[in-house]
PDB file of all heavy atoms in Angstrom:
ATOM      1  N   ILE A   1     -38.163  37.304 -49.917  1.00  0.00           N
ATOM      2  CA  ILE A   1     -37.811  36.592 -48.703  1.00  0.00           C
ATOM      3  C   ILE A   1     -38.725  35.391 -48.537  1.00  0.00           C
ATOM      4  O   ILE A   1     -39.919  35.448 -48.875  1.00  0.00           O
ATOM      5  CB  ILE A   1     -37.882  37.532 -47.466  1.00  0.00           C
ATOM      6  CG1 ILE A   1     -37.310  36.847 -46.221  1.00  0.00           C
ATOM      7  CG2 ILE A   1     -39.311  38.012 -47.227  1.00  0.00           C
ATOM      8  CD1 ILE A   1     -37.140  37.785 -45.043  1.00  0.00           C
ATOM      9  N   SER A   2     -38.181  34.309 -48.036  1.00  0.00           N
ATOM     10  CA  SER A   2     -38.977  33.116 -47.777  1.00  0.00           C
ATOM     11  C   SER A   2     -38.405  32.392 -46.569  1.00  0.00           C
ATOM     12  O   SER A   2     -37.270  32.653 -46.152  1.00  0.00           O
ATOM     13  CB  SER A   2     -39.010  32.201 -48.997  1.00  0.00           C
ATOM     14  OG  SER A   2     -37.692  31.782 -49.337  1.00  0.00           O
ATOM     15  N   ARG A   3     -39.191  31.490 -46.000  1.00  0.00           N
ATOM     16  CA  ARG A   3     -38.748  30.751 -44.830  1.00  0.00           C
ATOM     17  C   ARG A   3     -39.163  29.309 -44.944  1.00  0.00           C
ATOM     18  O   ARG A   3     -40.166  28.974 -45.575  1.00  0.00           O
ATOM     19  CB  ARG A   3     -39.294  31.375 -43.544  1.00  0.00           C
ATOM     20  CG  ARG A   3     -40.818  31.339 -43.429  1.00  0.00           C
ATOM     21  CD  ARG A   3     -41.304  32.178 -42.254  1.00  0.00           C
ATOM     22  NE  ARG A   3     -40.980  31.557 -40.965  1.00  0.00           N
ATOM     23  CZ  ARG A   3     -41.255  32.113 -39.797  1.00  0.00           C
ATOM     24  NH1 ARG A   3     -41.822  33.312 -39.743  1.00  0.00           N
ATOM     25  NH2 ARG A   3     -40.947  31.509 -38.660  1.00  0.00           N
ATOM     26  N   ASP A   4     -38.391  28.460 -44.303  1.00  0.00           N
ATOM     27  CA  ASP A   4     -38.701  27.040 -44.200  1.00  0.00           C
ATOM     28  C   ASP A   4     -38.762  26.736 -42.718  1.00  0.00           C
ATOM     29  O   ASP A   4     -37.734  26.591 -42.065  1.00  0.00           O
ATOM     30  CB  ASP A   4     -37.627  26.214 -44.908  1.00  0.00           C
ATOM     31  CG  ASP A   4     -37.922  24.725 -44.856  1.00  0.00           C
ATOM     32  OD1 ASP A   4     -38.642  24.271 -43.936  1.00  0.00           O
ATOM     33  OD2 ASP A   4     -37.417  23.999 -45.730  1.00  0.00           O
ATOM     34  N   ASN A   5     -39.969  26.677 -42.183  1.00  0.00           N
ATOM     35  CA  ASN A   5     -40.121  26.499 -40.734  1.00  0.00           C
ATOM     36  C   ASN A   5     -39.575  25.157 -40.267  1.00  0.00           C
ATOM     37  O   ASN A   5     -38.995  25.051 -39.184  1.00  0.00           O
ATOM     38  CB  ASN A   5     -41.590  26.631 -40.348  1.00  0.00           C
ATOM     39  CG  ASN A   5     -42.099  28.039 -40.510  1.00  0.00           C
ATOM     40  OD1 ASN A   5     -41.346  29.013 -40.413  1.00  0.00           O
ATOM     41  ND2 ASN A   5     -43.390  28.175 -40.759  1.00  0.00           N
ATOM     42  N   ALA A   6     -39.749  24.128 -41.069  1.00  0.00           N
ATOM     43  CA  ALA A   6     -39.308  22.797 -40.669  1.00  0.00           C
ATOM     44  C   ALA A   6     -37.786  22.741 -40.527  1.00  0.00           C
ATOM     45  O   ALA A   6     -37.262  22.023 -39.672  1.00  0.00           O
ATOM     46  CB  ALA A   6     -39.784  21.776 -41.677  1.00  0.00           C
ATOM     47  N   GLN A   7     -37.097  23.502 -41.377  1.00  0.00           N
ATOM     48  CA  GLN A   7     -35.636  23.477 -41.358  1.00  0.00           C
ATOM     49  C   GLN A   7     -35.037  24.656 -40.611  1.00  0.00           C
ATOM     50  O   GLN A   7     -33.821  24.778 -40.518  1.00  0.00           O
ATOM     51  CB  GLN A   7     -35.101  23.486 -42.803  1.00  0.00           C
ATOM     52  CG  GLN A   7     -35.533  22.288 -43.624  1.00  0.00           C
ATOM     53  CD  GLN A   7     -34.940  21.001 -43.096  1.00  0.00           C
ATOM     54  OE1 GLN A   7     -33.817  20.964 -42.591  1.00  0.00           O
ATOM     55  NE2 GLN A   7     -35.716  19.935 -43.190  1.00  0.00           N
ATOM     56  N   ASN A   8     -35.880  25.548 -40.068  1.00  0.00           N
ATOM     57  CA  ASN A   8     -35.413  26.765 -39.410  1.00  0.00           C
ATOM     58  C   ASN A   8     -34.468  27.556 -40.308  1.00  0.00           C
ATOM     59  O   ASN A   8     -33.373  27.940 -39.907  1.00  0.00           O
ATOM     60  CB  ASN A   8     -34.729  26.433 -38.085  1.00  0.00           C
ATOM     61  CG  ASN A   8     -35.702  26.413 -36.920  1.00  0.00           C
ATOM     62  OD1 ASN A   8     -36.854  26.810 -37.062  1.00  0.00           O
ATOM     63  ND2 ASN A   8     -35.264  25.934 -35.794  1.00  0.00           N
ATOM     64  N   MET A   9     -34.931  27.768 -41.542  1.00  0.00           N
ATOM     65  CA  MET A   9     -34.144  28.493 -42.511  1.00  0.00           C
ATOM     66  C   MET A   9     -34.915  29.704 -43.004  1.00  0.00           C
ATOM     67  O   MET A   9     -36.138  29.702 -43.073  1.00  0.00           O
ATOM     68  CB  MET A   9     -33.825  27.608 -43.724  1.00  0.00           C
ATOM     69  CG  MET A   9     -33.013  26.373 -43.433  1.00  0.00           C
ATOM     70  SD  MET A   9     -31.268  26.734 -43.150  1.00  0.00           S
ATOM     71  CE  MET A   9     -30.779  27.352 -44.757  1.00  0.00           C
ATOM     72  N   VAL A  10     -34.169  30.739 -43.364  1.00  0.00           N
ATOM     73  CA  VAL A  10     -34.764  31.885 -44.045  1.00  0.00           C
ATOM     74  C   VAL A  10     -33.861  32.241 -45.216  1.00  0.00           C
ATOM     75  O   VAL A  10     -32.627  32.129 -45.114  1.00  0.00           O
ATOM     76  CB  VAL A  10     -34.960  33.087 -43.098  1.00  0.00           C
ATOM     77  CG1 VAL A  10     -33.658  33.574 -42.499  1.00  0.00           C
ATOM     78  CG2 VAL A  10     -35.713  34.223 -43.787  1.00  0.00           C
ATOM     79  N   TYR A  11     -34.482  32.630 -46.321  1.00  0.00           N
ATOM     80  CA  TYR A  11     -33.749  32.888 -47.552  1.00  0.00           C
ATOM     81  C   TYR A  11     -34.046  34.295 -48.067  1.00  0.00           C
ATOM     82  O   TYR A  11     -35.109  34.859 -47.797  1.00  0.00           O
ATOM     83  CB  TYR A  11     -34.165  31.877 -48.629  1.00  0.00           C
ATOM     84  CG  TYR A  11     -34.019  30.445 -48.205  1.00  0.00           C
ATOM     85  CD1 TYR A  11     -35.107  29.733 -47.702  1.00  0.00           C
ATOM     86  CD2 TYR A  11     -32.803  29.788 -48.297  1.00  0.00           C
ATOM     87  CE1 TYR A  11     -34.987  28.415 -47.307  1.00  0.00           C
ATOM     88  CE2 TYR A  11     -32.667  28.470 -47.904  1.00  0.00           C
ATOM     89  CZ  TYR A  11     -33.761  27.791 -47.410  1.00  0.00           C
ATOM     90  OH  TYR A  11     -33.617  26.485 -47.011  1.00  0.00           O
ATOM     91  N   LEU A  12     -33.103  34.812 -48.822  1.00  0.00           N
ATOM     92  CA  LEU A  12     -33.320  36.071 -49.513  1.00  0.00           C
ATOM     93  C   LEU A  12     -32.843  35.896 -50.947  1.00  0.00           C
ATOM     94  O   LEU A  12     -31.641  35.788 -51.189  1.00  0.00           O
ATOM     95  CB  LEU A  12     -32.572  37.216 -48.834  1.00  0.00           C
ATOM     96  CG  LEU A  12     -32.839  38.608 -49.429  1.00  0.00           C
ATOM     97  CD1 LEU A  12     -34.297  39.022 -49.141  1.00  0.00           C
ATOM     98  CD2 LEU A  12     -31.869  39.642 -48.866  1.00  0.00           C
ATOM     99  N   GLN A  13     -33.791  35.858 -51.851  1.00  0.00           N
ATOM    100  CA  GLN A  13     -33.465  35.796 -53.278  1.00  0.00           C
ATOM    101  C   GLN A  13     -33.323  37.227 -53.787  1.00  0.00           C
ATOM    102  O   GLN A  13     -34.259  38.027 -53.677  1.00  0.00           O
ATOM    103  CB  GLN A  13     -34.568  35.074 -54.042  1.00  0.00           C
ATOM    104  CG  GLN A  13     -34.337  35.006 -55.549  1.00  0.00           C
ATOM    105  CD  GLN A  13     -33.128  34.162 -55.903  1.00  0.00           C
ATOM    106  OE1 GLN A  13     -32.922  33.085 -55.361  1.00  0.00           O
ATOM    107  NE2 GLN A  13     -32.328  34.653 -56.843  1.00  0.00           N
ATOM    108  N   MET A  14     -32.166  37.534 -54.343  1.00  0.00           N
ATOM    109  CA  MET A  14     -31.878  38.890 -54.800  1.00  0.00           C
ATOM    110  C   MET A  14     -31.638  38.866 -56.305  1.00  0.00           C
ATOM    111  O   MET A  14     -30.683  38.232 -56.759  1.00  0.00           O
ATOM    112  CB  MET A  14     -30.648  39.459 -54.066  1.00  0.00           C
ATOM    113  CG  MET A  14     -30.771  39.418 -52.550  1.00  0.00           C
ATOM    114  SD  MET A  14     -29.395  40.215 -51.705  1.00  0.00           S
ATOM    115  CE  MET A  14     -28.067  39.114 -52.144  1.00  0.00           C
ATOM    116  N   ASN A  15     -32.494  39.531 -57.035  1.00  0.00           N
ATOM    117  CA  ASN A  15     -32.391  39.602 -58.492  1.00  0.00           C
ATOM    118  C   ASN A  15     -32.137  41.035 -58.939  1.00  0.00           C
ATOM    119  O   ASN A  15     -32.360  41.977 -58.170  1.00  0.00           O
ATOM    120  CB  ASN A  15     -33.664  39.078 -59.135  1.00  0.00           C
ATOM    121  CG  ASN A  15     -33.952  37.628 -58.794  1.00  0.00           C
ATOM    122  OD1 ASN A  15     -33.032  36.813 -58.659  1.00  0.00           O
ATOM    123  ND2 ASN A  15     -35.222  37.291 -58.664  1.00  0.00           N
ATOM    124  N   SER A  16     -31.690  41.187 -60.153  1.00  0.00           N
ATOM    125  CA  SER A  16     -31.449  42.516 -60.723  1.00  0.00           C
ATOM    126  C   SER A  16     -30.618  43.377 -59.782  1.00  0.00           C
ATOM    127  O   SER A  16     -30.955  44.530 -59.502  1.00  0.00           O
ATOM    128  CB  SER A  16     -32.782  43.207 -61.032  1.00  0.00           C
ATOM    129  OG  SER A  16     -33.561  42.431 -61.927  1.00  0.00           O
ATOM    130  N   LEU A  17     -29.543  42.804 -59.299  1.00  0.00           N
ATOM    131  CA  LEU A  17     -28.726  43.499 -58.308  1.00  0.00           C
ATOM    132  C   LEU A  17     -28.084  44.759 -58.879  1.00  0.00           C
ATOM    133  O   LEU A  17     -27.719  44.818 -60.058  1.00  0.00           O
ATOM    134  CB  LEU A  17     -27.657  42.552 -57.767  1.00  0.00           C
ATOM    135  CG  LEU A  17     -28.187  41.543 -56.748  1.00  0.00           C
ATOM    136  CD1 LEU A  17     -27.256  40.355 -56.607  1.00  0.00           C
ATOM    137  CD2 LEU A  17     -28.395  42.220 -55.409  1.00  0.00           C
ATOM    138  N   LYS A  18     -27.983  45.741 -58.016  1.00  0.00           N
ATOM    139  CA  LYS A  18     -27.389  47.032 -58.375  1.00  0.00           C
ATOM    140  C   LYS A  18     -26.180  47.293 -57.480  1.00  0.00           C
ATOM    141  O   LYS A  18     -26.056  46.710 -56.402  1.00  0.00           O
ATOM    142  CB  LYS A  18     -28.425  48.147 -58.174  1.00  0.00           C
ATOM    143  CG  LYS A  18     -29.746  47.952 -58.908  1.00  0.00           C
ATOM    144  CD  LYS A  18     -30.729  49.045 -58.553  1.00  0.00           C
ATOM    145  CE  LYS A  18     -32.075  48.847 -59.246  1.00  0.00           C
ATOM    146  NZ  LYS A  18     -33.050  49.910 -58.883  1.00  0.00           N
ATOM    147  N   SER A  19     -25.353  48.203 -57.910  1.00  0.00           N
ATOM    148  CA  SER A  19     -24.156  48.524 -57.123  1.00  0.00           C
ATOM    149  C   SER A  19     -24.539  49.038 -55.736  1.00  0.00           C
ATOM    150  O   SER A  19     -23.823  48.786 -54.761  1.00  0.00           O
ATOM    151  CB  SER A  19     -23.297  49.546 -57.850  1.00  0.00           C
ATOM    152  OG  SER A  19     -24.040  50.726 -58.123  1.00  0.00           O
ATOM    153  N   GLU A  20     -25.668  49.705 -55.648  1.00  0.00           N
ATOM    154  CA  GLU A  20     -26.104  50.229 -54.346  1.00  0.00           C
ATOM    155  C   GLU A  20     -26.595  49.149 -53.393  1.00  0.00           C
ATOM    156  O   GLU A  20     -26.892  49.431 -52.227  1.00  0.00           O
ATOM    157  CB  GLU A  20     -27.182  51.312 -54.511  1.00  0.00           C
ATOM    158  CG  GLU A  20     -28.333  50.932 -55.399  1.00  0.00           C
ATOM    159  CD  GLU A  20     -28.163  51.463 -56.823  1.00  0.00           C
ATOM    160  OE1 GLU A  20     -27.061  51.311 -57.392  1.00  0.00           O
ATOM    161  OE2 GLU A  20     -29.166  51.985 -57.351  1.00  0.00           O
ATOM    162  N   ASP A  21     -26.697  47.917 -53.864  1.00  0.00           N
ATOM    163  CA  ASP A  21     -27.033  46.793 -52.983  1.00  0.00           C
ATOM    164  C   ASP A  21     -25.802  46.259 -52.257  1.00  0.00           C
ATOM    165  O   ASP A  21     -25.932  45.390 -51.392  1.00  0.00           O
ATOM    166  CB  ASP A  21     -27.677  45.655 -53.783  1.00  0.00           C
ATOM    167  CG  ASP A  21     -29.007  46.055 -54.389  1.00  0.00           C
ATOM    168  OD1 ASP A  21     -29.809  46.717 -53.702  1.00  0.00           O
ATOM    169  OD2 ASP A  21     -29.260  45.682 -55.554  1.00  0.00           O
ATOM    170  N   THR A  22     -24.644  46.762 -52.606  1.00  0.00           N
ATOM    171  CA  THR A  22     -23.413  46.330 -51.951  1.00  0.00           C
ATOM    172  C   THR A  22     -23.462  46.647 -50.465  1.00  0.00           C
ATOM    173  O   THR A  22     -23.689  47.803 -50.075  1.00  0.00           O
ATOM    174  CB  THR A  22     -22.194  47.001 -52.594  1.00  0.00           C
ATOM    175  OG1 THR A  22     -22.064  46.561 -53.946  1.00  0.00           O
ATOM    176  CG2 THR A  22     -20.926  46.678 -51.821  1.00  0.00           C
ATOM    177  N   ALA A  23     -23.271  45.620 -49.638  1.00  0.00           N
ATOM    178  CA  ALA A  23     -23.361  45.786 -48.182  1.00  0.00           C
ATOM    179  C   ALA A  23     -23.062  44.454 -47.523  1.00  0.00           C
ATOM    180  O   ALA A  23     -22.962  43.421 -48.184  1.00  0.00           O
ATOM    181  CB  ALA A  23     -24.753  46.257 -47.767  1.00  0.00           C
ATOM    182  N   VAL A  24     -22.939  44.497 -46.201  1.00  0.00           N
ATOM    183  CA  VAL A  24     -22.941  43.278 -45.425  1.00  0.00           C
ATOM    184  C   VAL A  24     -24.397  42.995 -45.060  1.00  0.00           C
ATOM    185  O   VAL A  24     -25.093  43.877 -44.540  1.00  0.00           O
ATOM    186  CB  VAL A  24     -22.084  43.406 -44.157  1.00  0.00           C
ATOM    187  CG1 VAL A  24     -22.159  42.124 -43.335  1.00  0.00           C
ATOM    188  CG2 VAL A  24     -20.630  43.720 -44.522  1.00  0.00           C
ATOM    189  N   TYR A  25     -24.838  41.795 -45.336  1.00  0.00           N
ATOM    190  CA  TYR A  25     -26.219  41.398 -45.086  1.00  0.00           C
ATOM    191  C   TYR A  25     -26.272  40.535 -43.826  1.00  0.00           C
ATOM    192  O   TYR A  25     -25.499  39.567 -43.695  1.00  0.00           O
ATOM    193  CB  TYR A  25     -26.778  40.647 -46.286  1.00  0.00           C
ATOM    194  CG  TYR A  25     -27.125  41.583 -47.427  1.00  0.00           C
ATOM    195  CD1 TYR A  25     -26.131  42.211 -48.164  1.00  0.00           C
ATOM    196  CD2 TYR A  25     -28.459  41.833 -47.766  1.00  0.00           C
ATOM    197  CE1 TYR A  25     -26.440  43.064 -49.196  1.00  0.00           C
ATOM    198  CE2 TYR A  25     -28.784  42.688 -48.807  1.00  0.00           C
ATOM    199  CZ  TYR A  25     -27.770  43.312 -49.506  1.00  0.00           C
ATOM    200  OH  TYR A  25     -28.080  44.173 -50.531  1.00  0.00           O
TER     201      TYR A  25
END
């Protein structure tokens, strides 16, 4: 997870995804 305070943004980088990661985020 990371954030850009100047842009009021937050990010979630998801790697090595698995079937159990399936969801609404």
